[in-house]
Every structure is written in C-alpha cells, then in structure tokens.
Amino acid sequence: MATRNTRSRRQQILQCLIEQGSVQVAELVERFEVSAVTIRADLSHIESQGLATRTHGGATLVRTPPQEQDIHEKDALNLPLKERIGARAAQLVQAGDNIIIDSGSTTMTLARHLRGHRDVTVMTNGLNIAWELANAPGVDVLLSGGLLRKQSLSLQGSQAEASLNAYSFDTLFLGVDGLDLQFGLTTHDEAEARLNHRMVEHARRIVVLTDASKFGRVSLHRIARLDQIHAIITDPGIDERYREGLLRLGIEVIIAEPLP
C-alpha cells in the first residue's frame, strides 16, 4: 500500500508541476499530509527523471512528459515503421532461442513476424502478444502471471516479477516510451518499469525496439541505463546526434529498412 501511495502522490505532484510550472514543499506537505522529508524525496525522484529542477523550498518544471496512450491508440500510430522494426527484430531470432517479448505496440509486430519461426520459446507479459502467438505451431509461449493493466493489456506486479526467477533468456526485446542519452530508457508506469528492469536482469542480450519519435522523450519511470543494453532497432528517422551518441556507448544501431 505504501508503494502505491507514493506512486500516486508523485504522479499528482508532477501534475501540479505541469499545471503550475512550480511547486513549494510547504504547500505539498499541507496538501498530502506527509512530512517535508517525504516531499523532498518525491521532488528529488521527479528531478532524477529529468522532469524538474529543485529550487530553494520547491521545484520547477523542466519538461513535460508525454501523455500515455492506450494500446489501441498506440497500435495505430506509426504502424508502417513499427512493422518494419518488428520484421527486422524477427530476423535476430534463431531456432532454439529462448526470448522475452515485452508488452507494447512495437513488440507486438515482432510477435506477428515470429509466427513462421520454429523451435522458439517466448515469455511475455502482453496478452495481445500471447494471443498473436497462440496458434503459431513452432513457438512455445510462457505467459507471466500478475495484475492486468487494461490500458496496455499487460500483466505486472510482484507475481509477474517472480515468474522470471526460474529462467534465463537469450534475448529481451523491449519496448519503451522514451529514450534519452543521459537518463536512459523510460516508461509511464512504475510497476511496468520495475518488471522491465527485472526482465533486463534475466536476459543475456537486451534489444530495444522503438521508432525514432521516442528519442529525446523522458517518461516518469526509468527502466534501465543505456549502458545496460546491446542493440536498438529503429527507423531511418533517427536523429544523427542520437545515432552517434548510441554508437559511442557501444550500442549497435540497426536501421529497419522498408519492407519489400
């Protein structure tokens, strides 16, 4: 319960920052009926996300995180680019591989292009991904347990995290809501970020699937640092500054070319 209260309070504080441009510790203490130490920790957390700057007695907004869209809206956004990224990601999967496919609209296209593969085991927390692979004869599907987050059709929480404990995977294919050269990979939901972080710990290779629109975005919750990932599959729209920055970090940048 304490974790849920902390998450809710920080989201409300961020909303205040978006609406007002700045907040004061004393006002937030009175509003949320918690200590000044707790509020300062909240503001430090939001600052660590690159969204605010601490000031004497409060904080000011640096940048507004993008609003989350539900899975149906995401599915329709940049679909041709996502299809190319999914098709290119599927080329990295070989017979005998054990992989994790994170929930998401871009990773969903990967699942679609795996339907003809053979001798592949997929673990996923995405209901839509599991459904896409349900009748793929050469793909065994492991579905994490957990609480269903209806907005993203994803399973999350302690049960989903615990389901990873008995496994070690060759590759994690990870979708993100934001990618920043300094702050790393981010997503909108705290529980999703925690699960994604655990996925990173249980895979030997981390491959991020994202269209170029996600570069430079920072959502509220960090998944991982960039030095924890091995490759990024994206579209030709990637800004050259980001491409060079990723290459300097030793990250392979794979450009998904148009489908024939």
Protein backbone atom coordinates (compact mmCIF):
# COMPACT_ATOMS: atom_id res chain seq x y z
CA MET A 1 0.00 0.00 0.00
CA ALA A 2 2.85 2.41 0.84
CA THR A 3 4.38 1.96 -2.61
CA ARG A 4 1.04 2.61 -4.28
CA ASN A 5 0.53 5.76 -2.18
CA THR A 6 4.00 7.00 -3.08
CA ARG A 7 3.38 6.41 -6.79
CA SER A 8 0.01 8.18 -6.67
CA ARG A 9 1.40 11.15 -4.75
CA ARG A 10 4.32 11.60 -7.13
CA GLN A 11 2.02 11.49 -10.11
CA GLN A 12 -0.17 14.16 -8.50
CA ILE A 13 2.88 16.30 -7.73
CA LEU A 14 4.02 16.01 -11.34
CA GLN A 15 0.55 17.03 -12.49
CA CYS A 16 0.79 20.11 -10.23
CA LEU A 17 4.14 20.95 -11.80
CA ILE A 18 2.68 20.62 -15.30
CA GLU A 19 -0.30 22.83 -14.44
CA GLN A 20 1.52 25.48 -12.34
CA GLY A 21 5.12 25.36 -13.55
CA SER A 22 6.45 25.16 -9.99
CA VAL A 23 5.58 23.76 -6.55
CA GLN A 24 6.54 24.54 -2.96
CA VAL A 25 7.43 21.95 -0.32
CA ALA A 26 5.30 23.63 2.35
CA GLU A 27 2.19 23.61 0.15
CA LEU A 28 2.69 19.95 -0.77
CA VAL A 29 3.20 18.98 2.89
CA GLU A 30 -0.13 20.55 3.73
CA ARG A 31 -1.93 19.05 0.74
CA PHE A 32 -0.72 15.47 1.15
CA GLU A 33 -0.34 15.47 4.94
CA VAL A 34 3.14 13.95 4.87
CA SER A 35 6.50 15.20 6.16
CA ALA A 36 8.74 17.69 4.39
CA VAL A 37 11.38 14.93 4.16
CA THR A 38 8.92 12.78 2.19
CA ILE A 39 8.04 15.63 -0.19
CA ARG A 40 11.70 16.45 -0.77
CA ALA A 41 12.31 12.79 -1.63
CA ASP A 42 9.38 12.96 -4.08
CA LEU A 43 10.80 16.07 -5.74
CA SER A 44 14.27 14.52 -5.91
CA HIS A 45 12.75 11.48 -7.64
CA ILE A 46 10.99 13.67 -10.20
CA GLU A 47 14.20 15.65 -10.71
CA SER A 48 16.12 12.40 -11.31
CA GLN A 49 13.72 11.71 -14.18
CA GLY A 50 14.89 14.92 -15.87
CA LEU A 51 11.44 16.48 -15.48
CA ALA A 52 12.07 19.11 -12.78
CA THR A 53 14.80 21.16 -11.13
CA ARG A 54 14.95 21.53 -7.36
CA THR A 55 14.82 25.09 -6.08
CA HIS A 56 15.02 26.57 -2.59
CA GLY A 57 11.82 25.38 -0.99
CA GLY A 58 10.39 23.60 -4.01
CA ALA A 59 10.89 22.65 -7.65
CA THR A 60 10.21 23.95 -11.16
CA LEU A 61 9.16 22.05 -14.27
CA VAL A 62 11.88 21.37 -16.84
CA ARG A 63 9.95 19.36 -19.40
CA THR A 64 6.52 17.83 -19.66
CA PRO A 65 6.40 14.05 -20.03
CA PRO A 66 4.29 12.84 -22.96
CA GLN A 67 0.80 11.60 -22.15
CA GLU A 68 0.32 7.86 -22.27
CA GLN A 69 -1.95 6.44 -24.96
CA ASP A 70 -3.87 3.20 -24.61
CA ILE A 71 -2.77 0.14 -26.55
CA HIS A 72 -5.33 0.65 -29.34
CA GLU A 73 -4.14 4.21 -29.98
CA LYS A 74 -0.51 3.04 -29.94
CA ASP A 75 -1.26 0.22 -32.39
CA ALA A 76 -2.43 2.72 -34.99
CA LEU A 77 0.44 5.18 -34.51
CA ASN A 78 3.42 4.90 -36.90
CA LEU A 79 2.27 1.39 -37.84
CA PRO A 80 4.33 1.03 -41.07
CA LEU A 81 7.51 1.94 -39.17
CA LYS A 82 6.67 -0.48 -36.37
CA GLU A 83 6.05 -3.28 -38.85
CA ARG A 84 9.49 -2.75 -40.35
CA ILE A 85 11.08 -2.74 -36.89
CA GLY A 86 9.22 -5.91 -35.90
CA ALA A 87 10.22 -7.67 -39.11
CA ARG A 88 13.88 -6.73 -38.60
CA ALA A 89 13.80 -7.89 -34.97
CA ALA A 90 12.37 -11.26 -36.05
CA GLN A 91 15.47 -11.78 -38.19
CA LEU A 92 17.57 -11.86 -35.00
CA VAL A 93 15.62 -14.82 -33.60
CA GLN A 94 17.05 -18.25 -34.40
CA ALA A 95 15.79 -21.79 -33.86
CA GLY A 96 16.44 -22.84 -30.28
CA ASP A 97 16.24 -19.30 -28.87
CA ASN A 98 14.51 -18.51 -25.59
CA ILE A 99 13.35 -14.88 -25.61
CA ILE A 100 11.27 -12.36 -23.69
CA ILE A 101 8.94 -10.06 -25.60
CA ASP A 102 7.84 -7.10 -23.50
CA SER A 103 4.28 -5.83 -23.91
CA GLY A 104 3.77 -2.95 -26.32
CA SER A 105 2.63 -1.95 -29.77
CA THR A 106 6.05 -2.18 -31.47
CA THR A 107 6.92 -5.51 -29.83
CA MET A 108 3.50 -6.74 -30.99
CA THR A 109 4.72 -6.50 -34.59
CA LEU A 110 7.70 -8.69 -33.67
CA ALA A 111 5.29 -11.37 -32.44
CA ARG A 112 3.43 -11.20 -35.74
CA HIS A 113 6.65 -11.84 -37.68
CA LEU A 114 7.57 -14.80 -35.46
CA ARG A 115 4.55 -16.85 -36.43
CA GLY A 116 6.53 -18.79 -39.04
CA HIS A 117 9.53 -19.49 -36.78
CA ARG A 118 10.34 -22.91 -35.39
CA ASP A 119 11.69 -24.12 -32.05
CA VAL A 120 11.40 -20.77 -30.26
CA THR A 121 10.23 -20.19 -26.69
CA VAL A 122 8.69 -16.81 -25.88
CA MET A 123 7.86 -15.43 -22.46
CA THR A 124 5.69 -12.32 -22.46
CA ASN A 125 3.65 -10.14 -20.14
CA GLY A 126 1.49 -8.92 -23.03
CA LEU A 127 -1.92 -10.53 -23.50
CA ASN A 128 -2.08 -9.35 -27.10
CA ILE A 129 1.35 -10.81 -27.83
CA ALA A 130 0.40 -14.17 -26.31
CA TRP A 131 -2.78 -14.18 -28.38
CA GLU A 132 -0.85 -13.39 -31.57
CA LEU A 133 1.39 -16.42 -30.97
CA ALA A 134 -1.29 -18.73 -29.56
CA ASN A 135 -1.63 -20.74 -32.78
CA ALA A 136 1.96 -20.42 -34.03
CA PRO A 137 2.98 -24.10 -34.23
CA GLY A 138 6.72 -23.58 -33.79
CA VAL A 139 6.54 -21.14 -30.87
CA ASP A 140 6.02 -22.15 -27.23
CA VAL A 141 4.51 -19.36 -25.14
CA LEU A 142 5.04 -18.66 -21.45
CA LEU A 143 2.69 -16.02 -20.06
CA SER A 144 3.69 -14.24 -16.87
CA GLY A 145 1.10 -14.02 -14.15
CA GLY A 146 0.25 -10.77 -12.43
CA LEU A 147 -2.29 -7.99 -12.35
CA LEU A 148 -3.77 -6.97 -15.70
CA ARG A 149 -3.19 -3.34 -16.61
CA LYS A 150 -6.07 -2.83 -19.00
CA GLN A 151 -4.74 0.30 -20.66
CA SER A 152 -1.74 -1.60 -22.04
CA LEU A 153 -3.09 -5.20 -21.92
CA SER A 154 -0.01 -6.04 -19.88
CA LEU A 155 0.50 -8.14 -16.76
CA GLN A 156 2.58 -6.66 -13.97
CA GLY A 157 3.22 -6.67 -10.25
CA SER A 158 5.03 -8.99 -7.84
CA GLN A 159 3.62 -12.17 -9.39
CA ALA A 160 4.81 -11.15 -12.86
CA GLU A 161 8.25 -10.28 -11.48
CA ALA A 162 8.51 -13.58 -9.58
CA SER A 163 7.62 -15.55 -12.73
CA LEU A 164 11.04 -14.63 -14.16
CA ASN A 165 13.04 -16.13 -11.32
CA ALA A 166 13.36 -19.66 -12.69
CA TYR A 167 14.52 -18.61 -16.17
CA SER A 168 17.48 -17.26 -18.10
CA PHE A 169 16.77 -15.94 -21.59
CA ASP A 170 18.92 -15.38 -24.65
CA THR A 171 17.36 -12.05 -25.63
CA LEU A 172 14.90 -9.50 -24.28
CA PHE A 173 13.03 -7.47 -26.89
CA LEU A 174 11.99 -4.35 -25.02
CA GLY A 175 9.59 -1.57 -25.96
CA VAL A 176 9.92 1.88 -24.37
CA ASP A 177 8.01 5.14 -24.08
CA GLY A 178 11.14 7.27 -24.02
CA LEU A 179 14.87 7.09 -24.74
CA ASP A 180 17.23 9.81 -23.55
CA LEU A 181 21.01 9.72 -23.94
CA GLN A 182 21.54 10.88 -20.36
CA PHE A 183 18.65 9.31 -18.47
CA GLY A 184 18.19 6.11 -20.42
CA LEU A 185 15.03 4.09 -21.08
CA THR A 186 11.75 5.16 -19.52
CA THR A 187 8.07 4.27 -19.39
CA HIS A 188 4.89 5.81 -17.99
CA ASP A 189 4.03 3.24 -15.33
CA GLU A 190 6.11 2.46 -12.24
CA ALA A 191 5.08 -1.21 -11.95
CA GLU A 192 5.83 -1.72 -15.64
CA ALA A 193 9.26 -0.14 -15.17
CA ARG A 194 10.02 -2.49 -12.26
CA LEU A 195 9.03 -5.54 -14.30
CA ASN A 196 11.04 -4.37 -17.31
CA HIS A 197 14.05 -3.87 -15.04
CA ARG A 198 13.73 -7.47 -13.84
CA MET A 199 13.48 -8.62 -17.46
CA VAL A 200 16.78 -6.87 -18.15
CA GLU A 201 18.36 -8.84 -15.30
CA HIS A 202 17.18 -12.17 -16.71
CA ALA A 203 18.36 -11.81 -20.33
CA ARG A 204 21.86 -12.03 -21.77
CA ARG A 205 21.15 -9.61 -24.61
CA ILE A 206 18.88 -6.57 -24.50
CA VAL A 207 17.42 -5.28 -27.77
CA VAL A 208 15.24 -2.16 -27.70
CA LEU A 209 12.54 -1.75 -30.35
CA THR A 210 11.47 1.84 -30.87
CA ASP A 211 10.54 4.19 -33.67
CA ALA A 212 12.50 7.43 -33.88
CA SER A 213 9.71 9.50 -32.31
CA LYS A 214 10.68 8.14 -28.85
CA PHE A 215 14.21 9.57 -28.91
CA GLY A 216 14.59 12.57 -26.61
CA ARG A 217 11.48 11.71 -24.61
CA VAL A 218 11.62 11.12 -20.87
CA SER A 219 8.69 9.45 -19.13
CA LEU A 220 8.39 9.39 -15.36
CA HIS A 221 9.87 5.96 -14.56
CA ARG A 222 13.29 4.68 -15.58
CA ILE A 223 13.66 1.11 -16.83
CA ALA A 224 17.41 0.90 -17.38
CA ARG A 225 20.55 2.83 -18.21
CA LEU A 226 21.72 2.83 -21.81
CA ASP A 227 24.93 1.03 -20.88
CA GLN A 228 22.79 -1.99 -19.96
CA ILE A 229 21.51 -2.54 -23.49
CA HIS A 230 23.21 -4.07 -26.51
CA ALA A 231 21.24 -3.02 -29.60
CA ILE A 232 18.46 -0.70 -30.76
CA ILE A 233 16.28 -1.36 -33.77
CA THR A 234 14.69 1.80 -35.11
CA ASP A 235 13.71 3.52 -38.36
CA PRO A 236 15.72 5.80 -40.69
CA GLY A 237 14.22 8.87 -38.99
CA ILE A 238 16.66 8.63 -36.09
CA ASP A 239 18.44 11.91 -35.42
CA GLU A 240 22.15 11.68 -36.26
CA ARG A 241 23.05 13.08 -32.84
CA TYR A 242 21.30 10.17 -31.19
CA ARG A 243 22.79 7.65 -33.58
CA GLU A 244 26.31 8.90 -32.87
CA GLY A 245 25.65 9.04 -29.12
CA LEU A 246 24.43 5.44 -29.06
CA LEU A 247 27.39 4.23 -31.11
CA ARG A 248 29.78 5.99 -28.70
CA LEU A 249 28.19 3.97 -25.90
CA GLY A 250 28.94 0.75 -27.80
CA ILE A 251 25.28 0.13 -28.67
CA GLU A 252 24.56 -1.42 -32.06
CA VAL A 253 22.08 0.70 -34.03
CA ILE A 254 20.05 -1.35 -36.51
CA ILE A 255 18.01 0.58 -39.06
CA ALA A 256 14.86 -1.20 -40.22
CA GLU A 257 14.61 -0.62 -43.94
CA PRO A 258 11.28 -0.60 -45.85
CA LEU A 259 9.66 -3.99 -46.30
CA PRO A 260 9.82 -5.40 -49.85
